[in-house]
Amino acid sequence: MLTFHSTVILVMESVPELTDNKSFSKACELIEIYVNIYFTVQAVVLISVYPSKKLYFSSVTNWIDLISILPFYCKLIAKEYLNAVTCTLFVVHDMLSVFPF
């Protein structure tokens, strides 16, 4: 359910009429922070309790979970140095290069 809400917020952030509203933008930012912290905690707990680290990292769905939180942290770390869109594109490129097409 949290993934659904996050997706709805992402779509709503693309509407120019809504993004002009400062309180809406701030609320979206806070929701994004909450969602990413939640998924980070979930990933850390799963990694720490999984019977085998090798088994955890051999699952494609676990890799998708980890890759999905990377843009958030990439934006945090590189905010001063890179444009957030460029950072997200790098992560998407890396994600696509993992899966052979």
Protein backbone atom coordinates (compact mmCIF):
# COMPACT_ATOMS: atom_id res chain seq x y z
CA MET A 1 0.00 0.00 0.00
CA LEU A 2 2.87 2.34 0.74
CA THR A 3 4.22 1.74 -2.76
CA PHE A 4 0.85 2.74 -4.22
CA HIS A 5 0.78 5.98 -2.22
CA SER A 6 4.33 6.76 -3.25
CA THR A 7 3.44 6.25 -6.90
CA VAL A 8 0.38 8.49 -6.63
CA ILE A 9 2.49 11.24 -5.06
CA LEU A 10 5.09 10.85 -7.81
CA VAL A 11 2.40 11.28 -10.47
CA MET A 12 0.89 14.26 -8.66
CA GLU A 13 4.32 15.92 -8.48
CA SER A 14 4.41 15.95 -12.27
CA VAL A 15 1.34 18.22 -12.47
CA PRO A 16 2.61 21.83 -12.79
CA GLU A 17 -0.46 23.35 -11.13
CA LEU A 18 0.20 21.32 -7.99
CA THR A 19 3.97 21.82 -7.84
CA ASP A 20 3.52 25.60 -7.83
CA ASN A 21 1.93 25.23 -4.39
CA LYS A 22 4.75 25.41 -1.81
CA SER A 23 2.85 23.53 0.91
CA PHE A 24 2.05 20.70 -1.51
CA SER A 25 5.70 20.46 -2.58
CA LYS A 26 6.81 20.37 1.06
CA ALA A 27 4.25 17.65 1.87
CA CYS A 28 5.45 15.58 -1.10
CA GLU A 29 9.04 15.96 0.03
CA LEU A 30 8.18 14.79 3.56
CA ILE A 31 6.24 11.80 2.22
CA GLU A 32 9.18 10.89 -0.04
CA ILE A 33 11.54 11.02 2.95
CA TYR A 34 9.22 8.85 5.06
CA VAL A 35 8.72 6.27 2.31
CA ASN A 36 12.44 5.98 1.59
CA ILE A 37 13.35 5.69 5.26
CA TYR A 38 10.71 2.97 5.65
CA PHE A 39 12.02 0.99 2.67
CA THR A 40 15.61 1.45 3.87
CA VAL A 41 14.78 0.10 7.31
CA GLN A 42 12.91 -2.77 5.71
CA ALA A 43 15.91 -3.62 3.50
CA VAL A 44 18.37 -3.43 6.40
CA VAL A 45 16.19 -5.68 8.57
CA LEU A 46 15.73 -8.18 5.75
CA ILE A 47 19.46 -8.31 5.06
CA SER A 48 20.27 -8.74 8.73
CA VAL A 49 17.79 -11.58 9.36
CA TYR A 50 18.09 -13.44 6.06
CA PRO A 51 19.59 -16.90 6.60
CA SER A 52 22.21 -16.38 3.90
CA LYS A 53 23.52 -13.11 2.46
CA LYS A 54 24.33 -14.94 -0.77
CA LEU A 55 20.74 -16.16 -0.98
CA TYR A 56 19.41 -12.65 -0.31
CA PHE A 57 21.52 -11.05 -3.03
CA SER A 58 20.71 -13.81 -5.52
CA SER A 59 17.05 -12.76 -5.57
CA VAL A 60 16.08 -10.31 -8.32
CA THR A 61 13.26 -8.81 -6.25
CA ASN A 62 15.68 -7.95 -3.45
CA TRP A 63 17.94 -6.19 -5.97
CA ILE A 64 14.95 -4.23 -7.24
CA ASP A 65 14.15 -3.18 -3.67
CA LEU A 66 17.70 -1.98 -3.11
CA ILE A 67 17.95 -0.21 -6.46
CA SER A 68 14.61 1.54 -5.91
CA ILE A 69 15.93 3.46 -2.90
CA LEU A 70 19.20 4.49 -4.56
CA PRO A 71 17.88 7.64 -6.33
CA PHE A 72 16.80 9.11 -2.99
CA TYR A 73 20.23 8.68 -1.43
CA CYS A 74 21.94 9.68 -4.63
CA LYS A 75 20.01 12.96 -4.53
CA LEU A 76 20.96 13.49 -0.90
CA ILE A 77 24.65 12.86 -1.45
CA ALA A 78 25.03 14.57 -4.81
CA LYS A 79 22.63 17.48 -4.31
CA GLU A 80 25.48 19.98 -4.31
CA TYR A 81 27.36 18.39 -7.20
CA LEU A 82 24.90 16.89 -9.65
CA ASN A 83 21.47 17.67 -10.93
CA ALA A 84 18.97 15.24 -9.36
CA VAL A 85 17.65 14.23 -12.77
CA THR A 86 21.15 13.34 -13.95
CA CYS A 87 21.70 11.32 -10.79
CA THR A 88 18.45 9.42 -11.30
CA LEU A 89 19.38 8.71 -14.91
CA PHE A 90 22.71 7.26 -13.77
CA VAL A 91 20.91 4.94 -11.35
CA VAL A 92 18.38 3.87 -13.97
CA HIS A 93 21.22 3.22 -16.43
CA ASP A 94 23.04 1.12 -13.84
CA MET A 95 19.85 -0.76 -13.03
CA LEU A 96 19.22 -1.54 -16.69
CA SER A 97 22.78 -2.68 -17.22
CA VAL A 98 22.29 -5.31 -14.50
CA PHE A 99 19.58 -7.02 -16.52
CA PRO A 100 20.70 -8.31 -19.91
CA PHE A 101 18.24 -7.50 -22.67
